[in-house]
Structures are given as structure tokens and as C-alpha cells.
Amino acid sequence: MVFNTGSTLLDAIVLAVVSRTDKGTYGYSITQDVRSVLEISESTLYPVLRRLQKDACLEVYDEQHGGRNRRYYRLTDKGRTVLAEYKTEWLNYSEKITRMFEGGVKG
């Protein structure tokens, strides 16, 4: 069984991956990191990156690599704030789900 990954959770995961370095990271690397926790195609990832850029959570810059331009993504201040909110919400949500799995404790 596979759980459906909504767009908000995917945004949170991508922001978490990009946040690992101040310099930023590029699309293929982001895809590989996200794939370590869930199956995702590049055709799914790039619209997420564009949306996060449009929402001012990511900034983009190009850098030469191997004779070609490579597009890098890095968190903005807004992106750091949004990621912190996602982390808090995830902890609350996952604790509730875990409690349900472990015996249905209400609260």
C-alpha cells in the first residue's frame, strides 16, 4: 500500500531538501534526495520547484558546470519560515497518526 502524497507534503519535503545547504542545490540532486523517501518523477518535481519559486520560497540562479549552465535553487527567508511551519505541523500531525496506530488514543 502506498500513501498519497499531497502537494503540501511534497512542498515541505522539497523545502527540507533544499534547506540542507546555504549554496543551494540543483534539480537532479533534489529529485534523487526526494526519491530516497518517496517515488517522484522529474516531471512532478519541476512544477513544484516553479511553484515554490513563484511563492517566493525559493530563489534561483544559474552556474556553469561542465560547460553547461546548471540551475540552482536555494531557500529564501520566506522559505525558511514556511519550512519551520511545515515542520511544526508535521510533528503534530504525525504524533496524532502514530497514537491512532498504537491504540487509538484520543487527544
N, C-alpha and C. Protein backbone atom coordinates (compact mmCIF):
# COMPACT_ATOMS: atom_id res chain seq x y z
N MET A 1 0.84 -1.17 0.00
CA MET A 1 0.00 0.00 0.00
C MET A 1 0.88 1.24 0.00
N VAL A 2 0.48 2.23 -0.77
CA VAL A 2 1.22 3.48 -0.86
C VAL A 2 0.30 4.62 -0.43
N PHE A 3 0.79 5.49 0.43
CA PHE A 3 0.03 6.65 0.85
C PHE A 3 0.17 7.74 -0.21
N ASN A 4 -0.92 8.42 -0.48
CA ASN A 4 -0.92 9.52 -1.44
C ASN A 4 -0.17 10.71 -0.84
N THR A 5 0.70 11.29 -1.61
CA THR A 5 1.47 12.45 -1.16
C THR A 5 0.84 13.70 -1.74
N GLY A 6 0.26 14.51 -0.89
CA GLY A 6 -0.35 15.75 -1.34
C GLY A 6 0.68 16.80 -1.68
N SER A 7 0.20 17.87 -2.32
CA SER A 7 1.13 18.91 -2.76
C SER A 7 1.80 19.62 -1.59
N THR A 8 1.09 19.79 -0.47
CA THR A 8 1.70 20.47 0.67
C THR A 8 2.84 19.66 1.25
N LEU A 9 2.64 18.35 1.38
CA LEU A 9 3.72 17.50 1.90
C LEU A 9 4.90 17.48 0.93
N LEU A 10 4.62 17.46 -0.35
CA LEU A 10 5.70 17.48 -1.34
C LEU A 10 6.46 18.81 -1.26
N ASP A 11 5.74 19.91 -1.11
CA ASP A 11 6.41 21.21 -0.93
C ASP A 11 7.33 21.17 0.28
N ALA A 12 6.83 20.63 1.39
CA ALA A 12 7.62 20.56 2.62
C ALA A 12 8.88 19.73 2.43
N ILE A 13 8.74 18.60 1.75
CA ILE A 13 9.90 17.72 1.52
C ILE A 13 10.93 18.42 0.65
N VAL A 14 10.47 19.09 -0.41
CA VAL A 14 11.40 19.79 -1.30
C VAL A 14 12.10 20.92 -0.54
N LEU A 15 11.37 21.68 0.24
CA LEU A 15 12.00 22.75 1.02
C LEU A 15 13.02 22.18 1.99
N ALA A 16 12.71 21.05 2.60
CA ALA A 16 13.66 20.42 3.53
C ALA A 16 14.93 20.00 2.81
N VAL A 17 14.80 19.43 1.62
CA VAL A 17 15.97 19.01 0.85
C VAL A 17 16.82 20.23 0.47
N VAL A 18 16.17 21.26 -0.02
CA VAL A 18 16.91 22.46 -0.45
C VAL A 18 17.56 23.15 0.73
N SER A 19 16.96 23.04 1.91
CA SER A 19 17.49 23.74 3.08
C SER A 19 18.80 23.17 3.60
N ARG A 20 19.20 22.02 3.12
CA ARG A 20 20.40 21.35 3.64
C ARG A 20 21.69 22.09 3.34
N THR A 21 21.65 23.00 2.38
CA THR A 21 22.87 23.75 2.05
C THR A 21 22.51 25.20 1.77
N ASP A 22 23.36 26.11 2.25
CA ASP A 22 23.12 27.54 2.01
C ASP A 22 23.35 27.92 0.56
N LYS A 23 24.25 27.20 -0.11
CA LYS A 23 24.57 27.50 -1.50
C LYS A 23 23.41 27.17 -2.43
N GLY A 24 22.60 26.20 -2.05
CA GLY A 24 21.52 25.74 -2.91
C GLY A 24 21.89 24.43 -3.56
N THR A 25 20.95 23.88 -4.26
CA THR A 25 21.16 22.61 -4.94
C THR A 25 20.38 22.61 -6.25
N TYR A 26 20.70 21.69 -7.12
CA TYR A 26 20.10 21.69 -8.46
C TYR A 26 19.04 20.59 -8.57
N GLY A 27 18.24 20.71 -9.61
CA GLY A 27 17.06 19.87 -9.78
C GLY A 27 17.29 18.37 -9.73
N TYR A 28 18.29 17.88 -10.44
CA TYR A 28 18.53 16.43 -10.44
C TYR A 28 18.87 15.94 -9.05
N SER A 29 19.70 16.68 -8.33
CA SER A 29 20.07 16.29 -6.97
C SER A 29 18.85 16.30 -6.04
N ILE A 30 18.00 17.31 -6.20
CA ILE A 30 16.77 17.38 -5.40
C ILE A 30 15.91 16.15 -5.69
N THR A 31 15.77 15.80 -6.96
CA THR A 31 14.97 14.63 -7.34
C THR A 31 15.51 13.37 -6.67
N GLN A 32 16.82 13.18 -6.70
CA GLN A 32 17.42 11.99 -6.10
C GLN A 32 17.19 11.93 -4.59
N ASP A 33 17.32 13.08 -3.93
CA ASP A 33 17.10 13.12 -2.49
C ASP A 33 15.64 12.83 -2.14
N VAL A 34 14.72 13.42 -2.89
CA VAL A 34 13.29 13.17 -2.64
C VAL A 34 12.97 11.71 -2.91
N ARG A 35 13.56 11.14 -3.96
CA ARG A 35 13.32 9.73 -4.28
C ARG A 35 13.80 8.78 -3.19
N SER A 36 14.66 9.26 -2.31
CA SER A 36 15.11 8.39 -1.22
C SER A 36 14.00 8.15 -0.20
N VAL A 37 12.95 8.99 -0.22
CA VAL A 37 11.83 8.79 0.70
C VAL A 37 10.51 8.51 0.00
N LEU A 38 10.37 8.90 -1.26
CA LEU A 38 9.15 8.60 -2.00
C LEU A 38 9.42 8.63 -3.49
N GLU A 39 8.60 7.91 -4.23
CA GLU A 39 8.78 7.84 -5.69
C GLU A 39 8.24 9.12 -6.32
N ILE A 40 9.07 9.78 -7.09
CA ILE A 40 8.68 11.02 -7.76
C ILE A 40 9.43 11.11 -9.08
N SER A 41 8.77 11.64 -10.07
CA SER A 41 9.42 11.83 -11.37
C SER A 41 9.87 13.28 -11.49
N GLU A 42 10.80 13.52 -12.38
CA GLU A 42 11.24 14.89 -12.61
C GLU A 42 10.09 15.74 -13.13
N SER A 43 9.18 15.14 -13.89
CA SER A 43 8.05 15.90 -14.41
C SER A 43 7.10 16.34 -13.30
N THR A 44 7.14 15.68 -12.16
CA THR A 44 6.37 16.10 -11.00
C THR A 44 7.14 17.15 -10.20
N LEU A 45 8.44 16.98 -10.10
CA LEU A 45 9.26 17.86 -9.27
C LEU A 45 9.37 19.28 -9.82
N TYR A 46 9.60 19.44 -11.10
CA TYR A 46 9.87 20.78 -11.62
C TYR A 46 8.70 21.74 -11.47
N PRO A 47 7.46 21.30 -11.63
CA PRO A 47 6.36 22.23 -11.32
C PRO A 47 6.33 22.64 -9.84
N VAL A 48 6.73 21.74 -8.95
CA VAL A 48 6.81 22.07 -7.52
C VAL A 48 7.88 23.15 -7.32
N LEU A 49 9.03 22.98 -7.93
CA LEU A 49 10.09 23.98 -7.82
C LEU A 49 9.64 25.34 -8.36
N ARG A 50 8.94 25.33 -9.50
CA ARG A 50 8.45 26.58 -10.08
C ARG A 50 7.42 27.24 -9.15
N ARG A 51 6.52 26.45 -8.57
CA ARG A 51 5.51 26.99 -7.66
C ARG A 51 6.18 27.60 -6.43
N LEU A 52 7.15 26.90 -5.85
CA LEU A 52 7.84 27.42 -4.68
C LEU A 52 8.63 28.68 -5.01
N GLN A 53 9.14 28.75 -6.21
CA GLN A 53 9.83 29.97 -6.65
C GLN A 53 8.82 31.10 -6.80
N LYS A 54 7.70 30.82 -7.43
CA LYS A 54 6.64 31.82 -7.62
C LYS A 54 6.12 32.33 -6.28
N ASP A 55 6.05 31.45 -5.28
CA ASP A 55 5.58 31.81 -3.95
C ASP A 55 6.67 32.46 -3.10
N ALA A 56 7.82 32.72 -3.69
CA ALA A 56 8.96 33.41 -3.04
C ALA A 56 9.59 32.57 -1.92
N CYS A 57 9.43 31.25 -1.99
CA CYS A 57 10.07 30.37 -1.02
C CYS A 57 11.45 29.92 -1.50
N LEU A 58 11.66 29.97 -2.80
CA LEU A 58 12.94 29.59 -3.40
C LEU A 58 13.41 30.71 -4.30
N GLU A 59 14.73 30.88 -4.34
CA GLU A 59 15.33 31.74 -5.35
C GLU A 59 16.18 30.86 -6.25
N VAL A 60 16.36 31.31 -7.47
CA VAL A 60 17.02 30.51 -8.49
C VAL A 60 18.19 31.28 -9.06
N TYR A 61 19.28 30.56 -9.31
CA TYR A 61 20.41 31.15 -10.02
C TYR A 61 21.07 30.07 -10.86
N ASP A 62 21.73 30.48 -11.92
CA ASP A 62 22.43 29.55 -12.80
C ASP A 62 23.93 29.66 -12.57
N GLU A 63 24.60 28.51 -12.72
CA GLU A 63 26.04 28.46 -12.54
C GLU A 63 26.61 27.49 -13.57
N GLN A 64 27.78 27.81 -14.10
CA GLN A 64 28.45 26.93 -15.05
C GLN A 64 28.88 25.64 -14.38
N HIS A 65 28.64 24.52 -15.04
CA HIS A 65 29.08 23.22 -14.55
C HIS A 65 29.32 22.32 -15.76
N GLY A 66 30.55 21.94 -15.96
CA GLY A 66 30.87 21.06 -17.08
C GLY A 66 30.53 21.65 -18.43
N GLY A 67 30.71 22.96 -18.58
CA GLY A 67 30.45 23.61 -19.84
C GLY A 67 28.98 23.94 -20.09
N ARG A 68 28.14 23.66 -19.13
CA ARG A 68 26.70 23.95 -19.27
C ARG A 68 26.22 24.73 -18.05
N ASN A 69 25.12 25.42 -18.23
CA ASN A 69 24.51 26.09 -17.09
C ASN A 69 23.72 25.07 -16.28
N ARG A 70 23.86 25.17 -15.00
CA ARG A 70 23.08 24.33 -14.08
C ARG A 70 22.25 25.29 -13.22
N ARG A 71 20.96 25.02 -13.12
CA ARG A 71 20.06 25.86 -12.33
C ARG A 71 20.05 25.39 -10.89
N TYR A 72 20.35 26.31 -9.97
CA TYR A 72 20.37 26.03 -8.54
C TYR A 72 19.17 26.69 -7.86
N TYR A 73 18.71 26.03 -6.81
CA TYR A 73 17.60 26.52 -6.01
C TYR A 73 18.08 26.65 -4.58
N ARG A 74 17.72 27.76 -3.93
CA ARG A 74 18.05 27.93 -2.52
C ARG A 74 16.88 28.61 -1.82
N LEU A 75 16.79 28.36 -0.51
CA LEU A 75 15.70 28.91 0.28
C LEU A 75 15.85 30.41 0.46
N THR A 76 14.72 31.08 0.43
CA THR A 76 14.64 32.49 0.81
C THR A 76 14.30 32.54 2.30
N ASP A 77 14.27 33.73 2.85
CA ASP A 77 13.84 33.87 4.24
C ASP A 77 12.41 33.37 4.40
N LYS A 78 11.56 33.70 3.44
CA LYS A 78 10.18 33.21 3.49
C LYS A 78 10.16 31.68 3.44
N GLY A 79 11.00 31.09 2.61
CA GLY A 79 11.08 29.64 2.51
C GLY A 79 11.47 29.00 3.82
N ARG A 80 12.40 29.61 4.55
CA ARG A 80 12.80 29.10 5.87
C ARG A 80 11.63 29.17 6.85
N THR A 81 10.88 30.27 6.81
CA THR A 81 9.72 30.43 7.68
C THR A 81 8.65 29.39 7.37
N VAL A 82 8.36 29.21 6.08
CA VAL A 82 7.35 28.23 5.66
C VAL A 82 7.79 26.83 6.05
N LEU A 83 9.07 26.50 5.86
CA LEU A 83 9.58 25.18 6.24
C LEU A 83 9.42 24.96 7.74
N ALA A 84 9.72 25.96 8.55
CA ALA A 84 9.56 25.82 10.00
C ALA A 84 8.10 25.55 10.36
N GLU A 85 7.18 26.22 9.69
CA GLU A 85 5.75 25.98 9.93
C GLU A 85 5.37 24.56 9.53
N TYR A 86 5.87 24.11 8.37
CA TYR A 86 5.59 22.74 7.92
C TYR A 86 6.12 21.72 8.92
N LYS A 87 7.32 21.95 9.45
CA LYS A 87 7.90 21.02 10.42
C LYS A 87 7.03 20.91 11.66
N THR A 88 6.57 22.04 12.16
CA THR A 88 5.71 22.04 13.35
C THR A 88 4.42 21.30 13.07
N GLU A 89 3.80 21.60 11.95
CA GLU A 89 2.54 20.94 11.58
C GLU A 89 2.75 19.44 11.40
N TRP A 90 3.86 19.06 10.78
CA TRP A 90 4.14 17.64 10.55
C TRP A 90 4.30 16.90 11.88
N LEU A 91 5.03 17.49 12.80
CA LEU A 91 5.22 16.84 14.10
C LEU A 91 3.88 16.63 14.80
N ASN A 92 3.03 17.63 14.80
CA ASN A 92 1.70 17.50 15.41
C ASN A 92 0.88 16.43 14.71
N TYR A 93 0.86 16.46 13.40
CA TYR A 93 0.08 15.52 12.61
C TYR A 93 0.58 14.09 12.79
N SER A 94 1.89 13.90 12.67
CA SER A 94 2.44 12.55 12.74
C SER A 94 2.28 11.95 14.13
N GLU A 95 2.35 12.79 15.18
CA GLU A 95 2.13 12.28 16.53
C GLU A 95 0.70 11.76 16.69
N LYS A 96 -0.27 12.48 16.14
CA LYS A 96 -1.66 12.04 16.21
C LYS A 96 -1.88 10.74 15.46
N ILE A 97 -1.32 10.62 14.28
CA ILE A 97 -1.47 9.39 13.49
C ILE A 97 -0.80 8.23 14.21
N THR A 98 0.39 8.45 14.76
CA THR A 98 1.09 7.39 15.48
C THR A 98 0.27 6.92 16.67
N ARG A 99 -0.31 7.87 17.41
CA ARG A 99 -1.16 7.49 18.54
C ARG A 99 -2.33 6.63 18.08
N MET A 100 -2.93 6.98 16.95
CA MET A 100 -4.04 6.19 16.42
C MET A 100 -3.58 4.78 16.08
N PHE A 101 -2.44 4.65 15.43
CA PHE A 101 -1.92 3.33 15.08
C PHE A 101 -1.59 2.51 16.32
N GLU A 102 -1.20 3.17 17.38
CA GLU A 102 -0.77 2.47 18.58
C GLU A 102 -1.89 2.22 19.59
N GLY A 103 -3.11 2.48 19.19
CA GLY A 103 -4.20 2.14 20.10
C GLY A 103 -5.37 3.09 20.10
N GLY A 104 -5.35 4.04 19.21
CA GLY A 104 -6.50 4.90 19.11
C GLY A 104 -6.68 5.88 20.24
N VAL A 105 -5.61 6.31 20.85
CA VAL A 105 -5.69 7.24 21.96
C VAL A 105 -6.22 8.59 21.45
N LYS A 106 -7.23 9.11 22.08
CA LYS A 106 -7.80 10.40 21.69
C LYS A 106 -7.02 11.52 22.36
N GLY A 107 -7.03 12.68 21.70
CA GLY A 107 -6.41 13.83 22.35
C GLY A 107 -5.61 14.68 21.50
